[in-house]
Amino acid sequence: MNQRRLGNLQVSSLGLGCMSMSSAYGPAGDVAEMTALIRAAYEKGVTFFDTAEVYGPFANEELVGAALAPIRDEVVIATKFGFDIDHATGERRGGTNSRPDHIKQVADACLKRLQTDRIDLFYQHRVDPAVPIEEVAGAVKDLIAAGKVQHFGLSEAGVATIRRAHAVQPVTAVQSEYSLFWRGPELELLPVLEELGIGFVPFSPLGAGFLTGKIDATTQFDPSDFRNHVPRFSPEARQANMALVAVIQAVADRKAATPAQVALAWLLAQKPWIVPIPGTTKRHRLEENLGGAALALNAAELAEIEAGAAKVAVQGERLPEGALKMTGL
C-alpha cells in the first residue's frame, strides 16, 4: 500500500478504525476474530491503527494492543484521551476531562493496555471547555519529552483551538468526520491544516456505513447501535439521502468497483495528507475498503461526483444534539 504523511508521521494511505470491534455499532466482536482481522489488515499493508480509551471503555485498547504486540515496531498506534472515565470501574462519569494530571494518568493507563512503551499519536478526543487548550498541549508536550508519546493530535477541534494548541506543541494530525456524507471540514478546517502542515484523519469516511450502499430506509440496526439516535439515520433521512449513494454508484458501476471504494478514493483524491480510517468487523469488508486505496478517479470522474453531490441536500444532523455540542465544527 502507498504511504502518506501526517505532518512528519508516515503511515499507510488508509488506516484501520478499530472502534466498531468493541463498541458503538452493536455488540462487541469476538476477540479472536477481531485479532485476526487486525493482523490481516497489517498483512495487507495497513500500518496505522486507531483506538481510544473510551471505546469499551478500555476493551478496544486491550484488543489492539494484544493484536499488534508481535509487530509493534512495524505499526503506528493512535489512541485518545479526554473523556471523564472512572479508571477503577471503566464507567463514564459524564463529559470531558482534560486536566493535565488526568491526561498523564490516562497516558500511563493506555501504555499498559496497549502493551507498549510509547503512544505514537495521542489525540484529545474532544475539546474540554473547562481546560485551556494551552494546558492540554503543555501536558502532551511533557509526555513527549518523557518519551511516552510521539505525536500530538486533536479530534473534532475548531480552527482557533488548533492554532492555539499548535503554538504550544506542534499538532501532527487532526481527526474529524469527513466524507461525501459530511463535508463540513472543507469550509475552514482543511485550509488551516494545509497552512500549518497538519495531517487530516477522517473518521466515518463511509458515512457510518451509509455510503456503502448497503443501508436503506428499511435497515434495522442493533438496539445498541449508536445510529439509532442519529438524525441522519432516521428512516426518512435515509430514504432522501439514497440520492447521494446513487451518484457514487453510477461511477462505481463503470469502474467495476463498489460505492465504498469510490467514496474512499474520492477522499484520498482531495489532499495528499488525508488518511481515512474506515472501520469494519468483517474480513471481506476490510478487503473491499483496501481496494479503495488502489482505485484512481480521474478529473472527469471527480467532477461528475462533485456535480452530482451538489444536487443532493443531505438530510439530518450528523450527530445527536448533545454530541454536536462537543464538537468544534
C-alpha atoms as a PDB file:
ATOM      1  CA  MET A   1       0.000   0.000   0.000  1.00  0.00           C
ATOM      2  CA  ASN A   2       1.140   3.548  -0.692  1.00  0.00           C
ATOM      3  CA  GLN A   3       2.303   5.692   2.191  1.00  0.00           C
ATOM      4  CA  ARG A   4       1.214   9.166   3.235  1.00  0.00           C
ATOM      5  CA  ARG A   5       2.430  11.705   5.746  1.00  0.00           C
ATOM      6  CA  LEU A   6       0.521  13.198   8.629  1.00  0.00           C
ATOM      7  CA  GLY A   7       2.780  16.084   9.491  1.00  0.00           C
ATOM      8  CA  ASN A   8       6.098  14.247   9.875  1.00  0.00           C
ATOM      9  CA  LEU A   9       4.491  10.905  10.704  1.00  0.00           C
ATOM     10  CA  GLN A  10       4.472   8.321   7.901  1.00  0.00           C
ATOM     11  CA  VAL A  11       1.555   5.888   7.720  1.00  0.00           C
ATOM     12  CA  SER A  12      -0.285   3.733   5.191  1.00  0.00           C
ATOM     13  CA  SER A  13      -2.661   5.677   2.928  1.00  0.00           C
ATOM     14  CA  LEU A  14      -5.619   4.001   4.644  1.00  0.00           C
ATOM     15  CA  GLY A  15      -5.696   3.212   8.343  1.00  0.00           C
ATOM     16  CA  LEU A  16      -7.999   0.926  10.288  1.00  0.00           C
ATOM     17  CA  GLY A  17     -10.519   2.390  12.704  1.00  0.00           C
ATOM     18  CA  CYS A  18     -10.962  -0.226  15.421  1.00  0.00           C
ATOM     19  CA  MET A  19     -13.835   1.266  17.450  1.00  0.00           C
ATOM     20  CA  SER A  20     -16.592  -0.886  15.952  1.00  0.00           C
ATOM     21  CA  MET A  21     -14.800  -4.035  17.050  1.00  0.00           C
ATOM     22  CA  SER A  22     -15.645  -3.215  20.668  1.00  0.00           C
ATOM     23  CA  SER A  23     -18.418  -0.630  20.785  1.00  0.00           C
ATOM     24  CA  ALA A  24     -20.909   1.759  19.172  1.00  0.00           C
ATOM     25  CA  TYR A  25     -22.136  -0.347  16.253  1.00  0.00           C
ATOM     26  CA  GLY A  26     -23.672  -3.167  18.246  1.00  0.00           C
ATOM     27  CA  PRO A  27     -22.281  -5.998  20.393  1.00  0.00           C
ATOM     28  CA  ALA A  28     -18.505  -6.328  20.625  1.00  0.00           C
ATOM     29  CA  GLY A  29     -16.913  -8.695  18.158  1.00  0.00           C
ATOM     30  CA  ASP A  30     -15.283 -11.982  19.097  1.00  0.00           C
ATOM     31  CA  VAL A  31     -11.798 -11.171  20.382  1.00  0.00           C
ATOM     32  CA  ALA A  32     -10.086 -13.917  18.391  1.00  0.00           C
ATOM     33  CA  GLU A  33     -11.854 -12.896  15.194  1.00  0.00           C
ATOM     34  CA  MET A  34     -11.090  -9.216  15.702  1.00  0.00           C
ATOM     35  CA  THR A  35      -7.452 -10.009  16.459  1.00  0.00           C
ATOM     36  CA  ALA A  36      -7.241 -11.949  13.202  1.00  0.00           C
ATOM     37  CA  LEU A  37      -8.848  -9.028  11.361  1.00  0.00           C
ATOM     38  CA  ILE A  38      -6.332  -6.527  12.726  1.00  0.00           C
ATOM     39  CA  ARG A  39      -3.439  -8.759  11.753  1.00  0.00           C
ATOM     40  CA  ALA A  40      -4.941  -9.343   8.304  1.00  0.00           C
ATOM     41  CA  ALA A  41      -5.039  -5.585   7.817  1.00  0.00           C
ATOM     42  CA  TYR A  42      -1.339  -5.372   8.627  1.00  0.00           C
ATOM     43  CA  GLU A  43      -0.536  -8.218   6.256  1.00  0.00           C
ATOM     44  CA  LYS A  44      -2.297  -6.275   3.507  1.00  0.00           C
ATOM     45  CA  GLY A  45      -0.250  -3.150   4.123  1.00  0.00           C
ATOM     46  CA  VAL A  46      -2.095  -1.213   6.828  1.00  0.00           C
ATOM     47  CA  THR A  47       0.313   0.305   9.336  1.00  0.00           C
ATOM     48  CA  PHE A  48      -1.993   2.840  11.031  1.00  0.00           C
ATOM     49  CA  PHE A  49      -4.435   1.674  13.713  1.00  0.00           C
ATOM     50  CA  ASP A  50      -6.882   3.895  15.605  1.00  0.00           C
ATOM     51  CA  THR A  51      -8.353   3.260  19.045  1.00  0.00           C
ATOM     52  CA  ALA A  52      -9.313   5.190  22.207  1.00  0.00           C
ATOM     53  CA  GLU A  53      -9.677   4.608  25.925  1.00  0.00           C
ATOM     54  CA  VAL A  54     -13.418   5.302  25.709  1.00  0.00           C
ATOM     55  CA  TYR A  55     -14.051   2.508  23.206  1.00  0.00           C
ATOM     56  CA  GLY A  56     -15.377  -0.123  25.544  1.00  0.00           C
ATOM     57  CA  PRO A  57     -14.222   1.661  27.654  1.00  0.00           C
ATOM     58  CA  PHE A  58     -10.729   0.162  27.643  1.00  0.00           C
ATOM     59  CA  ALA A  59     -11.607  -3.061  25.803  1.00  0.00           C
ATOM     60  CA  ASN A  60     -10.614  -1.757  22.381  1.00  0.00           C
ATOM     61  CA  GLU A  61      -7.180  -0.613  23.506  1.00  0.00           C
ATOM     62  CA  GLU A  62      -6.607  -4.012  25.096  1.00  0.00           C
ATOM     63  CA  LEU A  63      -7.665  -5.735  21.864  1.00  0.00           C
ATOM     64  CA  VAL A  64      -5.492  -3.534  19.653  1.00  0.00           C
ATOM     65  CA  GLY A  65      -2.516  -3.780  21.984  1.00  0.00           C
ATOM     66  CA  ALA A  66      -2.594  -7.564  22.109  1.00  0.00           C
ATOM     67  CA  ALA A  67      -3.191  -7.922  18.375  1.00  0.00           C
ATOM     68  CA  LEU A  68      -0.303  -5.647  17.428  1.00  0.00           C
ATOM     69  CA  ALA A  69       2.167  -6.692  20.137  1.00  0.00           C
ATOM     70  CA  PRO A  70       4.091  -9.106  17.852  1.00  0.00           C
ATOM     71  CA  ILE A  71       4.538  -6.374  15.210  1.00  0.00           C
ATOM     72  CA  ARG A  72       4.595  -3.316  17.462  1.00  0.00           C
ATOM     73  CA  ASP A  73       7.630  -1.698  15.857  1.00  0.00           C
ATOM     74  CA  GLU A  74       6.120  -2.026  12.366  1.00  0.00           C
ATOM     75  CA  VAL A  75       2.929  -0.063  13.054  1.00  0.00           C
ATOM     76  CA  VAL A  76       1.623   3.313  14.216  1.00  0.00           C
ATOM     77  CA  ILE A  77      -0.940   3.264  17.033  1.00  0.00           C
ATOM     78  CA  ALA A  78      -3.196   6.244  17.688  1.00  0.00           C
ATOM     79  CA  THR A  79      -5.297   6.499  20.829  1.00  0.00           C
ATOM     80  CA  LYS A  80      -7.202   9.241  22.619  1.00  0.00           C
ATOM     81  CA  PHE A  81      -7.801  10.876  25.979  1.00  0.00           C
ATOM     82  CA  GLY A  82     -10.294  13.447  27.113  1.00  0.00           C
ATOM     83  CA  PHE A  83     -13.450  11.853  28.487  1.00  0.00           C
ATOM     84  CA  ASP A  84     -14.208  11.574  32.197  1.00  0.00           C
ATOM     85  CA  ILE A  85     -13.921   7.850  32.891  1.00  0.00           C
ATOM     86  CA  ASP A  86     -13.633   6.119  36.251  1.00  0.00           C
ATOM     87  CA  HIS A  87     -10.478   4.078  35.801  1.00  0.00           C
ATOM     88  CA  ALA A  88     -11.448   1.767  38.643  1.00  0.00           C
ATOM     89  CA  THR A  89     -14.798   0.762  37.170  1.00  0.00           C
ATOM     90  CA  GLY A  90     -14.479   1.717  33.495  1.00  0.00           C
ATOM     91  CA  GLU A  91     -17.683   3.751  33.699  1.00  0.00           C
ATOM     92  CA  ARG A  92     -18.070   7.169  32.124  1.00  0.00           C
ATOM     93  CA  ARG A  93     -18.899   9.812  34.698  1.00  0.00           C
ATOM     94  CA  GLY A  94     -20.206  12.390  32.281  1.00  0.00           C
ATOM     95  CA  GLY A  95     -18.448  14.810  29.984  1.00  0.00           C
ATOM     96  CA  THR A  96     -14.882  15.736  29.224  1.00  0.00           C
ATOM     97  CA  ASN A  97     -11.778  15.751  31.395  1.00  0.00           C
ATOM     98  CA  SER A  98      -8.531  17.110  30.003  1.00  0.00           C
ATOM     99  CA  ARG A  99      -6.908  18.319  33.188  1.00  0.00           C
ATOM    100  CA  PRO A 100      -3.150  17.904  32.770  1.00  0.00           C
ATOM    101  CA  ASP A 101      -2.853  15.480  35.686  1.00  0.00           C
ATOM    102  CA  HIS A 102      -5.665  13.374  34.241  1.00  0.00           C
ATOM    103  CA  ILE A 103      -4.070  13.324  30.778  1.00  0.00           C
ATOM    104  CA  LYS A 104      -0.866  11.962  32.258  1.00  0.00           C
ATOM    105  CA  GLN A 105      -2.725   9.305  34.228  1.00  0.00           C
ATOM    106  CA  VAL A 106      -4.587   8.273  31.091  1.00  0.00           C
ATOM    107  CA  ALA A 107      -1.337   8.043  29.138  1.00  0.00           C
ATOM    108  CA  ASP A 108       0.150   5.626  31.658  1.00  0.00           C
ATOM    109  CA  ALA A 109      -3.008   3.502  31.617  1.00  0.00           C
ATOM    110  CA  CYS A 110      -3.090   3.498  27.809  1.00  0.00           C
ATOM    111  CA  LEU A 111       0.517   2.348  27.645  1.00  0.00           C
ATOM    112  CA  LYS A 112      -0.318  -0.663  29.805  1.00  0.00           C
ATOM    113  CA  ARG A 113      -3.417  -1.609  27.833  1.00  0.00           C
ATOM    114  CA  LEU A 114      -1.603  -1.195  24.522  1.00  0.00           C
ATOM    115  CA  GLN A 115       1.369  -3.238  25.777  1.00  0.00           C
ATOM    116  CA  THR A 116       3.815  -0.628  24.568  1.00  0.00           C
ATOM    117  CA  ASP A 117       6.330   1.912  25.797  1.00  0.00           C
ATOM    118  CA  ARG A 118       5.083   4.803  23.649  1.00  0.00           C
ATOM    119  CA  ILE A 119       1.902   6.128  22.093  1.00  0.00           C
ATOM    120  CA  ASP A 120       2.616   7.106  18.509  1.00  0.00           C
ATOM    121  CA  LEU A 121      -0.246   9.594  18.205  1.00  0.00           C
ATOM    122  CA  PHE A 122      -2.176  10.854  21.235  1.00  0.00           C
ATOM    123  CA  TYR A 123      -5.346  12.778  20.413  1.00  0.00           C
ATOM    124  CA  GLN A 124      -7.503  14.906  22.652  1.00  0.00           C
ATOM    125  CA  HIS A 125     -10.779  13.146  21.871  1.00  0.00           C
ATOM    126  CA  ARG A 126     -12.975  16.203  22.429  1.00  0.00           C
ATOM    127  CA  VAL A 127     -12.078  19.726  23.459  1.00  0.00           C
ATOM    128  CA  ASP A 128     -12.648  20.328  27.167  1.00  0.00           C
ATOM    129  CA  PRO A 129     -14.232  23.766  27.679  1.00  0.00           C
ATOM    130  CA  ALA A 130     -13.060  23.779  31.303  1.00  0.00           C
ATOM    131  CA  VAL A 131      -9.343  23.470  30.467  1.00  0.00           C
ATOM    132  CA  PRO A 132      -7.431  25.952  28.292  1.00  0.00           C
ATOM    133  CA  ILE A 133      -6.080  24.157  25.240  1.00  0.00           C
ATOM    134  CA  GLU A 134      -2.639  25.556  26.026  1.00  0.00           C
ATOM    135  CA  GLU A 135      -2.616  23.490  29.226  1.00  0.00           C
ATOM    136  CA  VAL A 136      -3.657  20.395  27.290  1.00  0.00           C
ATOM    137  CA  ALA A 137      -0.922  20.930  24.719  1.00  0.00           C
ATOM    138  CA  GLY A 138       1.560  21.544  27.509  1.00  0.00           C
ATOM    139  CA  ALA A 139       0.672  18.265  29.196  1.00  0.00           C
ATOM    140  CA  VAL A 140       1.156  16.355  25.953  1.00  0.00           C
ATOM    141  CA  LYS A 141       4.418  18.224  25.386  1.00  0.00           C
ATOM    142  CA  ASP A 142       5.592  16.915  28.762  1.00  0.00           C
ATOM    143  CA  LEU A 143       4.614  13.376  27.748  1.00  0.00           C
ATOM    144  CA  ILE A 144       6.555  13.749  24.506  1.00  0.00           C
ATOM    145  CA  ALA A 145       9.592  14.970  26.430  1.00  0.00           C
ATOM    146  CA  ALA A 146       9.265  11.914  28.673  1.00  0.00           C
ATOM    147  CA  GLY A 147       9.191   9.599  25.653  1.00  0.00           C
ATOM    148  CA  LYS A 148       5.705   8.295  26.426  1.00  0.00           C
ATOM    149  CA  VAL A 149       4.090   9.994  23.432  1.00  0.00           C
ATOM    150  CA  GLN A 150       5.497  10.638  19.967  1.00  0.00           C
ATOM    151  CA  HIS A 151       2.926  12.951  18.350  1.00  0.00           C
ATOM    152  CA  PHE A 152       0.045  15.198  19.436  1.00  0.00           C
ATOM    153  CA  GLY A 153      -3.376  15.171  17.797  1.00  0.00           C
ATOM    154  CA  LEU A 154      -6.785  16.795  18.185  1.00  0.00           C
ATOM    155  CA  SER A 155     -10.202  15.367  17.365  1.00  0.00           C
ATOM    156  CA  GLU A 156     -13.239  17.424  16.305  1.00  0.00           C
ATOM    157  CA  ALA A 157     -11.496  20.678  17.256  1.00  0.00           C
ATOM    158  CA  GLY A 158     -12.220  24.070  15.695  1.00  0.00           C
ATOM    159  CA  VAL A 159      -9.604  26.088  13.853  1.00  0.00           C
ATOM    160  CA  ALA A 160      -8.998  28.614  16.645  1.00  0.00           C
ATOM    161  CA  THR A 161      -8.348  25.785  19.100  1.00  0.00           C
ATOM    162  CA  ILE A 162      -5.998  24.090  16.646  1.00  0.00           C
ATOM    163  CA  ARG A 163      -3.964  27.269  16.167  1.00  0.00           C
ATOM    164  CA  ARG A 164      -3.644  27.823  19.910  1.00  0.00           C
ATOM    165  CA  ALA A 165      -2.607  24.233  20.580  1.00  0.00           C
ATOM    166  CA  HIS A 166      -0.165  24.170  17.674  1.00  0.00           C
ATOM    167  CA  ALA A 167       1.623  27.232  19.081  1.00  0.00           C
ATOM    168  CA  VAL A 168       2.451  25.300  22.267  1.00  0.00           C
ATOM    169  CA  GLN A 169       3.059  21.802  20.888  1.00  0.00           C
ATOM    170  CA  PRO A 170       3.006  21.165  17.128  1.00  0.00           C
ATOM    171  CA  VAL A 171      -0.079  19.212  16.148  1.00  0.00           C
ATOM    172  CA  THR A 172       0.676  16.264  13.862  1.00  0.00           C
ATOM    173  CA  ALA A 173      -2.888  15.324  12.914  1.00  0.00           C
ATOM    174  CA  VAL A 174      -6.480  16.361  13.369  1.00  0.00           C
ATOM    175  CA  GLN A 175      -9.233  13.763  13.288  1.00  0.00           C
ATOM    176  CA  SER A 176     -12.801  14.686  12.415  1.00  0.00           C
ATOM    177  CA  GLU A 177     -15.695  13.260  10.475  1.00  0.00           C
ATOM    178  CA  TYR A 178     -15.362  13.824   6.731  1.00  0.00           C
ATOM    179  CA  SER A 179     -16.866  12.113   3.710  1.00  0.00           C
ATOM    180  CA  LEU A 180     -19.232  12.827   0.854  1.00  0.00           C
ATOM    181  CA  PHE A 181     -21.895  12.409   3.553  1.00  0.00           C
ATOM    182  CA  TRP A 182     -20.441  15.202   5.720  1.00  0.00           C
ATOM    183  CA  ARG A 183     -18.269  17.875   4.108  1.00  0.00           C
ATOM    184  CA  GLY A 184     -18.119  20.439   6.898  1.00  0.00           C
ATOM    185  CA  PRO A 185     -14.295  20.354   7.182  1.00  0.00           C
ATOM    186  CA  GLU A 186     -13.943  21.844   3.710  1.00  0.00           C
ATOM    187  CA  LEU A 187     -15.173  25.245   4.863  1.00  0.00           C
ATOM    188  CA  GLU A 188     -12.431  26.237   7.317  1.00  0.00           C
ATOM    189  CA  LEU A 189     -10.604  23.221   8.643  1.00  0.00           C
ATOM    190  CA  LEU A 190      -8.806  21.889   5.576  1.00  0.00           C
ATOM    191  CA  PRO A 191      -7.308  25.266   4.570  1.00  0.00           C
ATOM    192  CA  VAL A 192      -5.928  25.791   8.085  1.00  0.00           C
ATOM    193  CA  LEU A 193      -4.455  22.287   8.242  1.00  0.00           C
ATOM    194  CA  GLU A 194      -2.768  22.852   4.890  1.00  0.00           C
ATOM    195  CA  GLU A 195      -1.385  26.188   6.077  1.00  0.00           C
ATOM    196  CA  LEU A 196       0.039  24.656   9.269  1.00  0.00           C
ATOM    197  CA  GLY A 197       1.280  21.390   7.734  1.00  0.00           C
ATOM    198  CA  ILE A 198      -1.038  19.235   9.836  1.00  0.00           C
ATOM    199  CA  GLY A 199      -2.368  15.931   8.535  1.00  0.00           C
ATOM    200  CA  PHE A 200      -6.055  15.053   8.475  1.00  0.00           C
ATOM    201  CA  VAL A 201      -7.593  11.737   9.541  1.00  0.00           C
ATOM    202  CA  PRO A 202     -11.257  11.433   8.525  1.00  0.00           C
ATOM    203  CA  PHE A 203     -13.307   9.110  10.698  1.00  0.00           C
ATOM    204  CA  SER A 204     -16.582   7.724   9.342  1.00  0.00           C
ATOM    205  CA  PRO A 205     -15.169   8.090   5.807  1.00  0.00           C
ATOM    206  CA  LEU A 206     -18.035   5.899   4.594  1.00  0.00           C
ATOM    207  CA  GLY A 207     -20.679   7.927   6.397  1.00  0.00           C
ATOM    208  CA  ALA A 208     -21.014   5.370   9.225  1.00  0.00           C
ATOM    209  CA  GLY A 209     -21.705   2.762   6.560  1.00  0.00           C
ATOM    210  CA  PHE A 210     -24.277   4.701   4.570  1.00  0.00           C
ATOM    211  CA  LEU A 211     -22.039   5.286   1.549  1.00  0.00           C
ATOM    212  CA  THR A 212     -21.523   1.555   1.086  1.00  0.00           C
ATOM    213  CA  GLY A 213     -24.974   1.345  -0.463  1.00  0.00           C
ATOM    214  CA  LYS A 214     -25.879  -1.477   1.912  1.00  0.00           C
ATOM    215  CA  ILE A 215     -28.189   0.650   4.088  1.00  0.00           C
ATOM    216  CA  ASP A 216     -31.642   1.861   3.097  1.00  0.00           C
ATOM    217  CA  ALA A 217     -34.796   3.128   4.794  1.00  0.00           C
ATOM    218  CA  THR A 218     -35.777  -0.375   5.891  1.00  0.00           C
ATOM    219  CA  THR A 219     -32.469  -1.326   7.515  1.00  0.00           C
ATOM    220  CA  GLN A 220     -32.821  -2.342  11.169  1.00  0.00           C
ATOM    221  CA  PHE A 221     -29.869  -1.596  13.439  1.00  0.00           C
ATOM    222  CA  ASP A 222     -28.988  -3.491  16.604  1.00  0.00           C
ATOM    223  CA  PRO A 223     -30.590  -1.807  19.653  1.00  0.00           C
ATOM    224  CA  SER A 224     -27.133  -0.833  20.939  1.00  0.00           C
ATOM    225  CA  ASP A 225     -26.064   0.736  17.625  1.00  0.00           C
ATOM    226  CA  PHE A 226     -25.486   4.487  18.001  1.00  0.00           C
ATOM    227  CA  ARG A 227     -27.032   5.150  14.588  1.00  0.00           C
ATOM    228  CA  ASN A 228     -30.449   4.586  16.133  1.00  0.00           C
ATOM    229  CA  HIS A 229     -30.005   8.005  17.760  1.00  0.00           C
ATOM    230  CA  VAL A 230     -28.520   9.900  14.811  1.00  0.00           C
ATOM    231  CA  PRO A 231     -30.953  12.173  12.916  1.00  0.00           C
ATOM    232  CA  ARG A 232     -29.191  11.446   9.631  1.00  0.00           C
ATOM    233  CA  PHE A 233     -30.098   7.770  10.065  1.00  0.00           C
ATOM    234  CA  SER A 234     -33.818   8.197  10.632  1.00  0.00           C
ATOM    235  CA  PRO A 235     -35.773   6.175   8.027  1.00  0.00           C
ATOM    236  CA  GLU A 236     -36.972   9.385   6.375  1.00  0.00           C
ATOM    237  CA  ALA A 237     -33.452  10.832   6.131  1.00  0.00           C
ATOM    238  CA  ARG A 238     -32.070   7.560   4.807  1.00  0.00           C
ATOM    239  CA  GLN A 239     -34.707   7.486   2.103  1.00  0.00           C
ATOM    240  CA  ALA A 240     -33.827  11.014   0.987  1.00  0.00           C
ATOM    241  CA  ASN A 241     -30.091  10.503   1.240  1.00  0.00           C
ATOM    242  CA  MET A 242     -30.098   7.485  -1.060  1.00  0.00           C
ATOM    243  CA  ALA A 243     -29.785  10.039  -3.871  1.00  0.00           C
ATOM    244  CA  LEU A 244     -26.193  10.638  -2.805  1.00  0.00           C
ATOM    245  CA  VAL A 245     -25.406   6.928  -2.913  1.00  0.00           C
ATOM    246  CA  ALA A 246     -26.815   6.816  -6.430  1.00  0.00           C
ATOM    247  CA  VAL A 247     -24.234   9.409  -7.533  1.00  0.00           C
ATOM    248  CA  ILE A 248     -21.418   7.230  -6.229  1.00  0.00           C
ATOM    249  CA  GLN A 249     -22.969   4.032  -7.530  1.00  0.00           C
ATOM    250  CA  ALA A 250     -23.018   5.363 -11.098  1.00  0.00           C
ATOM    251  CA  VAL A 251     -19.252   5.884 -11.036  1.00  0.00           C
ATOM    252  CA  ALA A 252     -18.662   2.579  -9.251  1.00  0.00           C
ATOM    253  CA  ASP A 253     -20.610   0.648 -11.893  1.00  0.00           C
ATOM    254  CA  ARG A 254     -18.455   1.989 -14.717  1.00  0.00           C
ATOM    255  CA  LYS A 255     -15.236   1.245 -12.865  1.00  0.00           C
ATOM    256  CA  ALA A 256     -16.216  -2.262 -11.732  1.00  0.00           C
ATOM    257  CA  ALA A 257     -15.831  -1.006  -8.166  1.00  0.00           C
ATOM    258  CA  THR A 258     -18.121  -0.672  -5.158  1.00  0.00           C
ATOM    259  CA  PRO A 259     -19.632   2.550  -3.767  1.00  0.00           C
ATOM    260  CA  ALA A 260     -17.409   2.190  -0.693  1.00  0.00           C
ATOM    261  CA  GLN A 261     -14.287   2.057  -2.856  1.00  0.00           C
ATOM    262  CA  VAL A 262     -15.339   5.119  -4.835  1.00  0.00           C
ATOM    263  CA  ALA A 263     -16.145   7.027  -1.640  1.00  0.00           C
ATOM    264  CA  LEU A 264     -12.704   6.258  -0.208  1.00  0.00           C
ATOM    265  CA  ALA A 265     -10.935   7.027  -3.481  1.00  0.00           C
ATOM    266  CA  TRP A 266     -12.741  10.377  -3.580  1.00  0.00           C
ATOM    267  CA  LEU A 267     -11.487  11.213  -0.086  1.00  0.00           C
ATOM    268  CA  LEU A 268      -7.919  10.239  -0.940  1.00  0.00           C
ATOM    269  CA  ALA A 269      -8.077  12.458  -4.033  1.00  0.00           C
ATOM    270  CA  GLN A 270      -8.921  15.573  -2.012  1.00  0.00           C
ATOM    271  CA  LYS A 271      -5.491  16.120  -0.429  1.00  0.00           C
ATOM    272  CA  PRO A 272      -2.264  14.061  -0.280  1.00  0.00           C
ATOM    273  CA  TRP A 273      -2.173  14.468   3.516  1.00  0.00           C
ATOM    274  CA  ILE A 274      -5.581  12.904   4.153  1.00  0.00           C
ATOM    275  CA  VAL A 275      -5.589   9.383   5.651  1.00  0.00           C
ATOM    276  CA  PRO A 276      -9.088   7.917   6.147  1.00  0.00           C
ATOM    277  CA  ILE A 277      -9.659   5.249   8.810  1.00  0.00           C
ATOM    278  CA  PRO A 278     -12.621   3.111   7.751  1.00  0.00           C
ATOM    279  CA  GLY A 279     -13.637   0.552  10.331  1.00  0.00           C
ATOM    280  CA  THR A 280     -15.153  -2.884   9.971  1.00  0.00           C
ATOM    281  CA  THR A 281     -15.631  -6.178  11.783  1.00  0.00           C
ATOM    282  CA  LYS A 282     -15.675  -8.268   8.601  1.00  0.00           C
ATOM    283  CA  ARG A 283     -12.758  -9.589   6.572  1.00  0.00           C
ATOM    284  CA  HIS A 284     -14.462  -9.122   3.203  1.00  0.00           C
ATOM    285  CA  ARG A 285     -15.284  -5.514   4.046  1.00  0.00           C
ATOM    286  CA  LEU A 286     -11.662  -4.920   5.021  1.00  0.00           C
ATOM    287  CA  GLU A 287     -10.542  -6.196   1.641  1.00  0.00           C
ATOM    288  CA  GLU A 288     -13.187  -4.120  -0.117  1.00  0.00           C
ATOM    289  CA  ASN A 289     -12.125  -0.958   1.698  1.00  0.00           C
ATOM    290  CA  LEU A 290      -8.463  -1.506   0.960  1.00  0.00           C
ATOM    291  CA  GLY A 291      -9.398  -1.737  -2.695  1.00  0.00           C
ATOM    292  CA  GLY A 292     -10.404   1.900  -2.436  1.00  0.00           C
ATOM    293  CA  ALA A 293      -6.777   2.849  -1.851  1.00  0.00           C
ATOM    294  CA  ALA A 294      -5.853   1.341  -5.219  1.00  0.00           C
ATOM    295  CA  LEU A 295      -8.722   2.959  -7.127  1.00  0.00           C
ATOM    296  CA  ALA A 296      -7.820   6.072  -9.115  1.00  0.00           C
ATOM    297  CA  LEU A 297     -10.503   8.577 -10.050  1.00  0.00           C
ATOM    298  CA  ASN A 298      -9.700  10.835 -12.991  1.00  0.00           C
ATOM    299  CA  ALA A 299     -10.594  14.516 -13.211  1.00  0.00           C
ATOM    300  CA  ALA A 300     -13.781  13.844 -15.131  1.00  0.00           C
ATOM    301  CA  GLU A 301     -14.977  11.304 -12.573  1.00  0.00           C
ATOM    302  CA  LEU A 302     -14.208  13.611  -9.685  1.00  0.00           C
ATOM    303  CA  ALA A 303     -16.078  16.415 -11.444  1.00  0.00           C
ATOM    304  CA  GLU A 304     -19.035  14.101 -12.028  1.00  0.00           C
ATOM    305  CA  ILE A 305     -19.174  13.230  -8.330  1.00  0.00           C
ATOM    306  CA  GLU A 306     -18.949  16.901  -7.356  1.00  0.00           C
ATOM    307  CA  ALA A 307     -21.714  17.886  -9.723  1.00  0.00           C
ATOM    308  CA  GLY A 308     -23.971  15.045  -8.634  1.00  0.00           C
ATOM    309  CA  ALA A 309     -23.359  15.587  -4.920  1.00  0.00           C
ATOM    310  CA  ALA A 310     -24.088  19.312  -5.292  1.00  0.00           C
ATOM    311  CA  LYS A 311     -27.636  18.433  -6.318  1.00  0.00           C
ATOM    312  CA  VAL A 312     -28.278  16.421  -3.148  1.00  0.00           C
ATOM    313  CA  ALA A 313     -29.210  18.221   0.056  1.00  0.00           C
ATOM    314  CA  VAL A 314     -28.248  15.638   2.676  1.00  0.00           C
ATOM    315  CA  GLN A 315     -30.959  15.362   5.301  1.00  0.00           C
ATOM    316  CA  GLY A 316     -30.454  15.146   9.065  1.00  0.00           C
ATOM    317  CA  GLU A 317     -27.765  16.209  11.530  1.00  0.00           C
ATOM    318  CA  ARG A 318     -24.673  14.009  11.606  1.00  0.00           C
ATOM    319  CA  LEU A 319     -24.806  13.516  15.394  1.00  0.00           C
ATOM    320  CA  PRO A 320     -27.366  13.779  18.196  1.00  0.00           C
ATOM    321  CA  GLU A 321     -27.679  17.287  19.637  1.00  0.00           C
ATOM    322  CA  GLY A 322     -25.666  16.552  22.775  1.00  0.00           C
ATOM    323  CA  ALA A 323     -22.773  15.114  20.788  1.00  0.00           C
ATOM    324  CA  LEU A 324     -22.800  18.019  18.338  1.00  0.00           C
ATOM    325  CA  LYS A 325     -22.255  20.443  21.210  1.00  0.00           C
ATOM    326  CA  MET A 326     -18.953  18.703  21.965  1.00  0.00           C
ATOM    327  CA  THR A 327     -17.524  19.346  18.510  1.00  0.00           C
ATOM    328  CA  GLY A 328     -15.755  22.391  17.166  1.00  0.00           C
ATOM    329  CA  LEU A 329     -17.101  22.114  13.619  1.00  0.00           C
END
